[in-house]
Protein backbone atom coordinates (compact mmCIF):
# COMPACT_ATOMS: atom_id res chain seq x y z
CA MET A 1 8.77 -33.20 17.72
CA SER A 2 10.92 -32.12 14.77
CA ASP A 3 14.15 -30.11 14.80
CA LYS A 4 14.30 -27.04 16.96
CA PHE A 5 14.91 -23.65 15.37
CA ASP A 6 16.26 -20.40 16.75
CA VAL A 7 13.50 -18.53 14.88
CA ILE A 8 10.28 -19.63 13.20
CA VAL A 9 8.44 -17.04 11.15
CA VAL A 10 4.76 -17.63 10.35
CA GLY A 11 3.98 -15.91 7.06
CA SER A 12 6.24 -14.97 4.17
CA GLY A 13 4.88 -11.66 2.99
CA PRO A 14 7.15 -8.59 3.04
CA ALA A 15 7.22 -8.59 6.85
CA GLY A 16 7.79 -12.33 7.23
CA TYR A 17 10.25 -13.13 4.48
CA VAL A 18 12.41 -10.11 5.31
CA ALA A 19 12.44 -11.11 8.99
CA ALA A 20 13.43 -14.67 8.06
CA ILE A 21 16.24 -13.58 5.74
CA ARG A 22 17.64 -11.08 8.22
CA ALA A 23 17.51 -13.60 11.06
CA ALA A 24 19.38 -16.13 8.94
CA GLN A 25 21.96 -13.51 7.97
CA LEU A 26 22.61 -13.00 11.67
CA GLY A 27 23.43 -16.66 12.14
CA LEU A 28 20.10 -17.83 13.54
CA LYS A 29 18.69 -21.18 12.44
CA THR A 30 15.47 -20.00 10.79
CA ALA A 31 12.34 -21.51 9.26
CA CYS A 32 9.46 -19.73 7.55
CA VAL A 33 5.93 -21.14 7.32
CA GLU A 34 3.71 -20.17 4.38
CA LYS A 35 0.30 -21.48 3.36
CA TRP A 36 -0.06 -19.59 0.05
CA ARG A 37 -0.45 -21.70 -3.08
CA ASN A 38 -0.18 -20.49 -6.66
CA LYS A 39 -2.61 -21.29 -9.47
CA ASP A 40 -0.87 -24.65 -9.96
CA GLY A 41 -1.35 -25.58 -6.30
CA GLN A 42 2.32 -25.20 -5.43
CA GLY A 43 3.46 -23.47 -2.26
CA VAL A 44 4.93 -20.04 -2.91
CA ASN A 45 6.30 -17.26 -0.73
CA GLY A 46 5.54 -13.56 -0.90
CA GLY A 47 2.15 -13.39 0.78
CA THR A 48 -0.57 -10.99 -0.34
CA CYS A 49 1.85 -8.31 -1.52
CA LEU A 50 3.65 -10.34 -4.14
CA ASN A 51 0.78 -12.62 -5.13
CA VAL A 52 -2.41 -10.54 -5.13
CA GLY A 53 -1.51 -7.12 -3.75
CA CYS A 54 1.17 -4.50 -4.26
CA ILE A 55 3.06 -6.10 -7.12
CA PRO A 56 0.28 -7.40 -9.42
CA SER A 57 -1.73 -4.20 -9.02
CA LYS A 58 1.29 -2.12 -10.04
CA ALA A 59 1.85 -4.35 -13.06
CA LEU A 60 -1.72 -3.69 -14.21
CA LEU A 61 -1.44 0.00 -13.40
CA ASP A 62 1.66 0.34 -15.57
CA SER A 63 0.24 -1.71 -18.45
CA SER A 64 -3.06 0.17 -18.44
CA TYR A 65 -1.30 3.53 -18.33
CA LYS A 66 0.90 2.68 -21.29
CA TYR A 67 -2.24 1.81 -23.25
CA HIS A 68 -3.90 5.06 -22.22
CA GLU A 69 -0.79 7.04 -23.10
CA ALA A 70 -0.45 5.41 -26.52
CA LYS A 71 -4.14 5.93 -27.23
CA ASP A 72 -4.67 9.45 -25.91
CA ASP A 73 -1.52 11.28 -24.83
CA LEU A 74 1.20 10.94 -27.46
CA THR A 75 -0.06 13.48 -29.99
CA VAL A 76 1.33 16.30 -27.85
CA HIS A 77 4.78 14.82 -28.49
CA GLY A 78 4.16 14.75 -32.24
CA ILE A 79 3.57 11.00 -32.23
CA SER A 80 0.55 9.74 -34.14
CA THR A 81 -1.06 6.40 -33.32
CA SER A 82 -4.09 4.68 -34.74
CA ASP A 83 -6.17 1.61 -33.92
CA VAL A 84 -4.46 1.12 -30.57
CA LYS A 85 -5.75 -2.04 -28.91
CA ILE A 86 -5.24 -3.80 -25.62
CA ASP A 87 -5.19 -7.55 -25.04
CA ILE A 88 -6.55 -7.98 -21.51
CA PRO A 89 -5.55 -11.67 -21.17
CA ALA A 90 -2.01 -10.75 -22.26
CA MET A 91 -1.94 -7.90 -19.73
CA VAL A 92 -3.01 -10.29 -16.97
CA ALA A 93 -0.50 -12.92 -18.14
CA ARG A 94 2.30 -10.36 -17.90
CA LYS A 95 1.19 -9.64 -14.35
CA ASP A 96 1.34 -13.36 -13.54
CA LYS A 97 4.83 -13.63 -15.02
CA ILE A 98 6.08 -10.85 -12.76
CA ILE A 99 4.50 -12.57 -9.74
CA ASN A 100 6.28 -15.81 -10.60
CA GLN A 101 9.61 -14.03 -11.00
CA LEU A 102 9.37 -12.31 -7.63
CA THR A 103 8.01 -15.24 -5.63
CA GLY A 104 10.72 -17.38 -7.21
CA GLY A 105 13.20 -14.72 -6.15
CA VAL A 106 12.14 -15.05 -2.51
CA ALA A 107 12.62 -18.82 -2.73
CA ALA A 108 16.12 -18.26 -4.14
CA LEU A 109 16.94 -15.81 -1.34
CA PHE A 110 15.74 -18.30 1.27
CA LYS A 111 18.00 -20.96 -0.23
CA ALA A 112 20.99 -18.61 -0.44
CA ASN A 113 20.59 -17.53 3.18
CA GLY A 114 19.79 -20.95 4.60
CA VAL A 115 16.14 -20.32 5.52
CA THR A 116 14.06 -23.50 5.73
CA SER A 117 10.71 -23.22 3.92
CA LEU A 118 7.79 -25.01 5.53
CA PHE A 119 4.70 -24.92 3.31
CA GLY A 120 1.40 -25.31 5.10
CA THR A 121 -0.74 -23.58 7.72
CA GLY A 122 1.05 -22.47 10.88
CA LYS A 123 -0.52 -22.27 14.32
CA LEU A 124 1.18 -20.99 17.47
CA LEU A 125 0.90 -23.33 20.44
CA ALA A 126 2.07 -22.74 24.00
CA ASN A 127 5.78 -22.38 24.80
CA ARG A 128 6.83 -21.19 21.32
CA LYS A 129 5.78 -24.38 19.53
CA VAL A 130 4.41 -24.04 16.00
CA GLU A 131 2.07 -26.61 14.51
CA VAL A 132 2.34 -26.82 10.72
CA THR A 133 -0.36 -28.59 8.71
CA ASP A 134 0.90 -29.26 5.18
CA PHE A 135 -1.17 -29.32 2.01
CA GLU A 136 -1.88 -33.06 2.42
CA GLY A 137 -3.16 -32.57 5.96
CA LYS A 138 -0.11 -33.94 7.76
CA THR A 139 0.67 -32.13 11.02
CA THR A 140 4.15 -31.51 12.41
CA VAL A 141 5.06 -29.55 15.54
CA TYR A 142 8.23 -27.48 15.57
CA GLU A 143 9.88 -25.72 18.51
CA ALA A 144 11.72 -22.41 18.50
CA ASP A 145 13.45 -20.03 20.86
CA ASN A 146 11.61 -17.18 19.13
CA VAL A 147 8.50 -17.06 16.96
CA ILE A 148 7.65 -14.14 14.68
CA LEU A 149 3.99 -13.91 13.62
CA ALA A 150 3.58 -12.24 10.23
CA SER A 151 0.25 -13.60 9.03
CA GLY A 152 -0.79 -10.41 7.25
CA SER A 153 -4.31 -9.24 6.48
CA SER A 154 -7.33 -10.11 4.35
CA PRO A 155 -10.05 -8.05 2.64
CA ILE A 156 -12.99 -6.93 4.75
CA ASN A 157 -16.30 -8.37 3.56
CA ILE A 158 -19.56 -6.46 3.92
CA PRO A 159 -22.99 -8.15 4.13
CA VAL A 160 -24.61 -5.65 1.74
CA ALA A 161 -22.30 -6.75 -1.10
CA PRO A 162 -21.31 -10.43 -0.61
CA VAL A 163 -18.39 -11.44 -2.80
CA ASP A 164 -19.24 -14.23 -5.27
CA ASN A 165 -15.95 -13.99 -7.23
CA LYS A 166 -17.95 -13.62 -10.45
CA ILE A 167 -19.90 -10.37 -10.53
CA ILE A 168 -19.02 -9.06 -7.08
CA VAL A 169 -15.30 -9.38 -6.35
CA ASN A 170 -12.74 -8.16 -3.86
CA SER A 171 -9.31 -6.72 -4.68
CA THR A 172 -8.01 -10.19 -5.58
CA GLY A 173 -10.76 -10.86 -8.11
CA ALA A 174 -10.30 -7.43 -9.67
CA LEU A 175 -6.82 -8.51 -10.79
CA GLU A 176 -8.22 -11.39 -12.83
CA PHE A 177 -10.81 -9.83 -15.16
CA THR A 178 -10.51 -11.38 -18.64
CA ASP A 179 -12.32 -8.55 -20.38
CA VAL A 180 -13.19 -4.91 -19.72
CA PRO A 181 -16.42 -4.32 -17.75
CA LYS A 182 -18.50 -1.70 -19.53
CA ARG A 183 -19.70 -0.31 -16.18
CA LEU A 184 -17.65 -0.93 -13.06
CA GLY A 185 -18.66 -0.10 -9.50
CA VAL A 186 -16.10 0.32 -6.73
CA ILE A 187 -17.12 0.44 -3.08
CA GLY A 188 -14.43 2.38 -1.24
CA ALA A 189 -12.33 5.34 -2.37
CA GLY A 190 -9.21 4.33 -0.52
CA VAL A 191 -5.84 3.35 -1.95
CA ILE A 192 -7.02 0.02 -3.36
CA GLY A 193 -10.26 1.36 -4.78
CA LEU A 194 -8.59 4.27 -6.56
CA GLU A 195 -5.79 2.12 -7.97
CA LEU A 196 -8.06 -0.63 -9.29
CA GLY A 197 -10.60 1.90 -10.50
CA SER A 198 -7.81 3.66 -12.41
CA VAL A 199 -6.67 0.41 -14.08
CA TRP A 200 -10.06 -0.40 -15.56
CA ASN A 201 -11.01 3.23 -16.26
CA ARG A 202 -7.93 3.56 -18.49
CA VAL A 203 -8.86 0.56 -20.61
CA GLY A 204 -12.45 1.59 -21.15
CA SER A 205 -14.66 1.00 -18.10
CA GLN A 206 -17.09 3.63 -16.89
CA VAL A 207 -16.09 3.66 -13.23
CA VAL A 208 -18.24 4.84 -10.33
CA VAL A 209 -16.54 4.96 -6.91
CA LEU A 210 -18.87 5.00 -3.90
CA GLU A 211 -17.31 6.26 -0.67
CA ALA A 212 -19.23 6.33 2.63
CA LEU A 213 -17.10 9.06 4.22
CA ASP A 214 -17.84 12.73 3.66
CA SER A 215 -14.22 13.57 2.86
CA PHE A 216 -12.03 12.20 0.09
CA LEU A 217 -8.77 10.52 1.17
CA ALA A 218 -9.35 11.52 4.77
CA ILE A 219 -5.93 10.19 5.87
CA MET A 220 -4.12 12.48 3.44
CA ASP A 221 -3.35 16.19 3.66
CA GLN A 222 -6.58 17.73 2.43
CA GLN A 223 -4.98 20.22 0.07
CA ILE A 224 -3.35 17.31 -1.71
CA ALA A 225 -6.52 15.21 -1.50
CA LYS A 226 -8.60 17.92 -3.16
CA GLU A 227 -6.05 18.28 -5.95
CA ALA A 228 -5.95 14.50 -6.43
CA ARG A 229 -9.72 14.28 -6.63
CA LYS A 230 -9.84 17.04 -9.24
CA ILE A 231 -7.26 15.23 -11.36
CA LEU A 232 -8.85 11.78 -11.04
CA THR A 233 -12.30 13.17 -11.82
CA LYS A 234 -10.93 14.79 -14.96
CA GLN A 235 -9.54 11.39 -15.95
CA GLY A 236 -13.05 9.93 -15.83
CA LEU A 237 -13.45 8.45 -12.34
CA ASP A 238 -16.93 9.26 -11.02
CA ILE A 239 -16.08 9.66 -7.32
CA ARG A 240 -19.07 10.05 -5.02
CA THR A 241 -18.49 10.72 -1.34
CA SER A 242 -21.13 10.46 1.41
CA CYS A 243 -22.66 7.46 -0.35
CA ARG A 244 -23.48 4.52 1.92
CA VAL A 245 -24.20 1.24 0.15
CA THR A 246 -27.24 -0.48 1.64
CA GLY A 247 -27.67 -3.48 -0.65
CA SER A 248 -26.82 -5.26 -3.87
CA GLU A 249 -28.60 -7.77 -6.07
CA VAL A 250 -27.03 -9.85 -8.81
CA LYS A 251 -29.32 -10.14 -11.81
CA GLY A 252 -27.87 -12.38 -14.50
CA GLU A 253 -24.56 -10.84 -15.58
CA GLU A 254 -25.15 -7.55 -13.78
CA VAL A 255 -25.41 -6.27 -10.22
CA VAL A 256 -27.77 -3.57 -9.00
CA VAL A 257 -26.32 -1.56 -6.13
CA THR A 258 -28.54 0.42 -3.77
CA PHE A 259 -27.08 3.29 -1.78
CA LEU A 260 -28.00 6.43 0.09
CA ASP A 261 -26.57 9.60 -1.43
CA LYS A 262 -25.24 12.63 0.45
CA ASP A 263 -28.79 13.92 0.91
CA GLY A 264 -30.05 10.63 2.29
CA ASN A 265 -31.98 9.75 -0.86
CA GLU A 266 -31.98 6.15 -2.07
CA GLN A 267 -30.23 5.63 -5.41
CA LYS A 268 -29.56 2.62 -7.61
CA GLU A 269 -26.77 1.93 -10.10
CA THR A 270 -26.31 -1.10 -12.34
CA PHE A 271 -22.82 -2.47 -13.00
CA ASP A 272 -21.27 -5.32 -14.94
CA LYS A 273 -18.77 -5.84 -12.13
CA LEU A 274 -18.54 -4.59 -8.57
CA ILE A 275 -15.29 -4.37 -6.59
CA VAL A 276 -15.58 -4.32 -2.80
CA CYS A 277 -12.53 -2.69 -1.24
CA VAL A 278 -13.54 -1.13 2.06
CA GLY A 279 -10.35 -2.00 3.88
CA ARG A 280 -8.46 -4.97 5.27
CA ARG A 281 -8.48 -6.77 8.61
CA PRO A 282 -5.66 -8.54 10.45
CA PHE A 283 -5.57 -12.24 9.65
CA THR A 284 -5.55 -14.29 12.85
CA GLU A 285 -7.97 -17.08 11.94
CA ASP A 286 -6.68 -20.39 13.39
CA LEU A 287 -3.33 -18.70 14.03
CA LEU A 288 -3.32 -18.83 17.83
CA ALA A 289 -4.05 -21.74 20.14
CA ALA A 290 -6.06 -20.83 23.23
CA ASP A 291 -3.00 -21.29 25.44
CA SER A 292 -0.52 -19.52 23.13
CA GLY A 293 -0.30 -16.59 25.54
CA VAL A 294 -0.75 -14.03 22.75
CA ASN A 295 -3.46 -11.39 23.17
CA LEU A 296 -5.47 -9.47 20.60
CA ASP A 297 -6.42 -5.82 21.03
CA GLU A 298 -9.95 -4.43 20.77
CA ARG A 299 -9.70 -4.19 16.96
CA GLY A 300 -8.51 -7.75 16.46
CA PHE A 301 -4.83 -6.96 15.94
CA ILE A 302 -2.15 -8.90 17.79
CA TYR A 303 -1.18 -6.77 20.76
CA VAL A 304 2.48 -5.72 20.69
CA ASN A 305 4.63 -3.03 22.28
CA ASP A 306 6.75 -0.51 20.37
CA LEU A 307 9.33 -3.22 19.70
CA CYS A 308 6.75 -5.68 18.30
CA SER A 309 6.94 -8.00 21.30
CA THR A 310 3.70 -9.76 22.33
CA ASN A 311 2.55 -10.72 25.81
CA ALA A 312 4.09 -14.18 25.36
CA PRO A 313 7.86 -14.34 26.03
CA GLY A 314 9.84 -14.94 22.84
CA VAL A 315 6.84 -14.32 20.57
CA TRP A 316 6.84 -11.31 18.27
CA ALA A 317 4.41 -10.00 15.65
CA VAL A 318 5.01 -7.72 12.67
CA GLY A 319 3.30 -6.27 9.60
CA ASP A 320 -0.41 -5.99 8.88
CA VAL A 321 -1.35 -8.18 11.83
CA VAL A 322 -0.23 -5.49 14.31
CA ARG A 323 -1.14 -1.83 14.92
CA GLY A 324 -0.12 0.89 12.51
CA PRO A 325 -0.61 1.43 8.78
CA MET A 326 -0.97 -1.67 6.61
CA LEU A 327 2.03 -0.97 4.41
CA ALA A 328 4.48 -3.55 3.09
CA HIS A 329 7.53 -1.39 3.84
CA LYS A 330 6.38 -0.78 7.41
CA GLY A 331 6.14 -4.54 7.92
CA SER A 332 9.52 -5.18 6.32
CA GLU A 333 11.26 -2.73 8.64
CA GLU A 334 9.51 -4.26 11.64
CA GLY A 335 10.77 -7.65 10.47
CA VAL A 336 14.34 -6.37 10.33
CA MET A 337 14.01 -4.73 13.75
CA VAL A 338 12.71 -7.91 15.40
CA ALA A 339 15.32 -10.17 13.78
CA GLU A 340 18.10 -7.87 14.93
CA ARG A 341 16.72 -7.58 18.46
CA ILE A 342 16.50 -11.37 18.70
CA ALA A 343 20.17 -11.44 17.72
CA GLY A 344 21.01 -9.06 20.55
CA GLN A 345 21.12 -5.75 18.71
CA LYS A 346 19.32 -2.64 19.98
CA THR A 347 17.55 -1.74 16.75
CA VAL A 348 14.51 0.53 16.98
CA MET A 349 12.14 1.84 14.32
CA ASN A 350 11.02 5.40 13.62
CA TYR A 351 7.26 5.10 13.13
CA ASP A 352 6.95 8.84 12.51
CA ILE A 353 8.61 8.60 9.10
CA ILE A 354 6.74 5.95 7.10
CA PRO A 355 5.94 7.02 3.51
CA ASN A 356 2.46 6.33 2.15
CA VAL A 357 1.79 6.12 -1.58
CA ILE A 358 -1.23 5.81 -3.89
CA TYR A 359 -0.10 4.60 -7.32
CA THR A 360 -2.62 6.42 -9.45
CA HIS A 361 -1.30 8.61 -12.23
CA PRO A 362 -0.12 11.01 -11.12
CA GLU A 363 0.93 9.39 -7.87
CA VAL A 364 -0.07 10.65 -4.43
CA ALA A 365 2.55 10.33 -1.68
CA ALA A 366 3.07 11.55 1.87
CA VAL A 367 5.42 11.29 4.82
CA GLY A 368 5.05 12.78 8.28
CA LYS A 369 2.15 14.87 9.54
CA THR A 370 -0.62 16.49 7.52
CA GLU A 371 -1.40 20.17 7.91
CA GLU A 372 -4.66 19.21 9.61
CA GLN A 373 -2.81 17.12 12.21
CA ILE A 374 -0.29 19.87 12.91
CA LYS A 375 -2.99 22.53 13.19
CA ALA A 376 -4.93 20.33 15.63
CA SER A 377 -1.82 19.91 17.79
CA GLY A 378 -1.46 23.66 18.17
CA GLU A 379 2.10 23.72 16.81
CA ALA A 380 3.15 26.82 14.86
CA TYR A 381 4.20 25.92 11.34
CA ASN A 382 5.11 27.25 7.91
CA VAL A 383 4.14 25.81 4.53
CA GLY A 384 5.91 25.85 1.20
CA THR A 385 4.31 24.61 -2.03
CA PHE A 386 5.51 24.35 -5.59
CA PRO A 387 3.43 23.32 -8.65
CA PHE A 388 4.74 20.95 -11.29
CA SER A 389 3.16 23.22 -13.92
CA VAL A 390 6.26 25.46 -13.78
CA ASN A 391 8.86 22.70 -13.41
CA GLY A 392 10.89 22.43 -16.62
CA ARG A 393 11.33 18.65 -16.52
CA ALA A 394 7.63 18.12 -15.87
CA MET A 395 6.75 20.37 -18.80
CA ALA A 396 9.13 18.52 -21.09
CA ALA A 397 7.50 15.22 -20.10
CA ASN A 398 3.94 16.61 -20.31
CA GLU A 399 3.48 15.68 -16.63
CA THR A 400 2.52 19.03 -15.14
CA GLN A 401 -0.37 18.14 -12.84
CA GLY A 402 -0.03 18.42 -9.09
CA LEU A 403 2.27 20.03 -6.54
CA VAL A 404 4.77 19.48 -3.74
CA LYS A 405 3.91 20.66 -0.23
CA ILE A 406 6.39 20.82 2.64
CA ILE A 407 5.47 21.75 6.21
CA ALA A 408 8.06 22.85 8.77
CA HIS A 409 7.98 23.90 12.42
CA ALA A 410 7.78 27.71 12.67
CA GLU A 411 10.47 27.98 15.33
CA THR A 412 12.92 25.13 14.70
CA ASP A 413 12.26 24.85 10.94
CA ARG A 414 12.38 21.06 11.32
CA ILE A 415 10.45 19.36 8.52
CA LEU A 416 7.20 17.94 9.91
CA GLY A 417 5.66 16.53 6.74
CA ALA A 418 5.77 16.39 2.96
CA HIS A 419 2.81 15.77 0.68
CA ILE A 420 2.92 15.36 -3.08
CA VAL A 421 0.52 14.71 -5.91
CA GLY A 422 2.35 14.58 -9.19
CA PRO A 423 4.75 12.64 -11.40
CA ASN A 424 7.05 10.21 -9.56
CA ALA A 425 5.62 11.35 -6.22
CA ALA A 426 6.54 8.01 -4.61
CA ASP A 427 10.22 8.57 -5.33
CA LEU A 428 10.22 12.29 -4.63
CA VAL A 429 8.67 11.97 -1.18
CA GLN A 430 11.42 9.54 -0.23
CA GLN A 431 13.93 12.36 -0.61
CA VAL A 432 12.10 14.28 2.08
CA ALA A 433 11.80 11.15 4.23
CA ILE A 434 15.60 10.83 4.19
CA ALA A 435 15.94 14.47 5.19
CA MET A 436 13.43 14.00 8.01
CA GLU A 437 15.25 10.93 9.30
CA PHE A 438 18.34 13.08 9.79
CA GLY A 439 16.38 15.89 11.43
CA SER A 440 16.78 18.30 8.53
CA SER A 441 15.22 21.72 8.42
CA ALA A 442 13.42 23.14 5.41
CA GLU A 443 16.40 25.48 5.00
CA ASP A 444 18.76 22.47 4.87
CA LEU A 445 16.72 20.87 2.10
CA GLY A 446 16.50 24.14 0.19
CA MET A 447 20.29 24.55 0.30
CA ILE A 448 20.99 21.17 -1.34
CA ILE A 449 22.01 21.34 -5.00
CA PHE A 450 19.54 19.46 -7.18
CA GLY A 451 20.25 18.46 -10.76
CA HIS A 452 18.61 20.47 -13.53
CA PRO A 453 16.24 19.81 -15.13
CA THR A 454 14.68 17.28 -12.74
CA LEU A 455 11.34 16.72 -11.09
CA SER A 456 13.26 16.80 -7.81
CA GLU A 457 13.72 20.53 -8.18
CA ALA A 458 10.06 20.87 -7.18
CA VAL A 459 11.03 19.45 -3.77
CA LYS A 460 13.82 22.01 -3.39
CA GLU A 461 11.55 24.86 -4.45
CA ALA A 462 8.82 23.80 -2.00
CA ALA A 463 11.45 23.75 0.77
CA LEU A 464 12.58 27.23 -0.25
CA GLY A 465 8.95 28.31 -0.33
CA VAL A 466 8.56 27.52 3.37
CA HIS A 467 10.35 30.82 4.04
CA GLY A 468 9.13 32.64 0.94
CA HIS A 469 12.38 32.10 -0.97
CA ALA A 470 11.19 30.00 -3.95
CA ILE A 471 12.93 31.14 -7.11
CA HIS A 472 10.72 29.77 -9.88
CA ALA A 473 7.28 30.59 -8.47
CA VAL A 474 5.64 33.59 -6.87
CA ASN A 475 5.94 33.25 -3.10
CA LYS A 476 2.87 33.51 -0.93
CA LYS A 477 2.91 36.02 1.88
CA LYS A 478 3.78 34.34 5.15
CA ARG A 479 1.34 34.45 8.04
């Protein structure tokens, strides 16, 4: 038996590394186990998010958009360009550089806060013991007063399109293309599918997105989803809903995908590459010994209560491996909550106010309830919307697509949700999230003085529009 720790965290993604740092800040002797290895075979922290998820995908999204903008969108500003080219290996190398900077940053934060890094595969045993198998196969058992499981998630595989990491890839493989596929298929029109489809569409791929569901972005407010689909289709994404993939066959350097269309007719499409991104599943493989005392729910997630405590005393779980949306920031806040509760604080988390963002261009972002959810609950509500097409800052930037939508309770005026498709939507929706955290009404938000000209004024105007008081747009008649 090695040294005993106050806290051992298994996994160093956004949920795990944040939990470890916060625990150490609170004076707890903390270790963090991580099995991820970089391309050189060295152990690195950051989990999926930093290594093959949130961060690298955003790097490619930004690079690809700058190419698209230089190639197609600068003439409106009076800027002429010619023979614009993109170096795909250089774009990917930039992505890798950013990954190295951020994973190295986590290592530096661990060192500064006194967190012990244990590289290898962690497994929870009975009585809060953690078995760590390092990269050479050596096994060491550590003991802790508290264990935080933050093992994250992995892509869901489907038998009809088995990933071979050459022609058929998952979200990880789609970050490593060395050239532009002429025809690219994407199975799944969720966040990952739309983001990766956008990257390669911008640099020249003909992208077809096959979605099994009838509705587009079913988790989003449908007014916003319809607007987003219209915009993305205009950009060149061929989005087909009600299309169920039934098979795929790799033929040489191509893959033939068979699917049933919305009318039930069998169709075939041939692609140079196929990305499978139909969702993610909690990663619990070899994580729990039979006598660990930790239970899984019916969907394979680690069962926890509202405070992220498992059935086993002193064992907690956070992030993608537990219920709730698989969002890095949700996991990070859970990590903070658990670390502080271990230290004796009474921290709780507001699960009703977790922003959700799709980093297409323009971005799609939401916080709180959709109009469909509120209508189904029977609550009376009012809606205010404001289009970016009449926002001065958006016009100056040639970023006029989309709108802001704010929903408030009809009687209390408390903001119930905000939904945005448009420029900087990820940052704008956070303004409403802050207001919601403090219980603000739509009137409160509309009374705040916003700088002019700013994109943020669209948020103010939408809040004013809840009561038909928008200044810079014609107000709709209230119900």
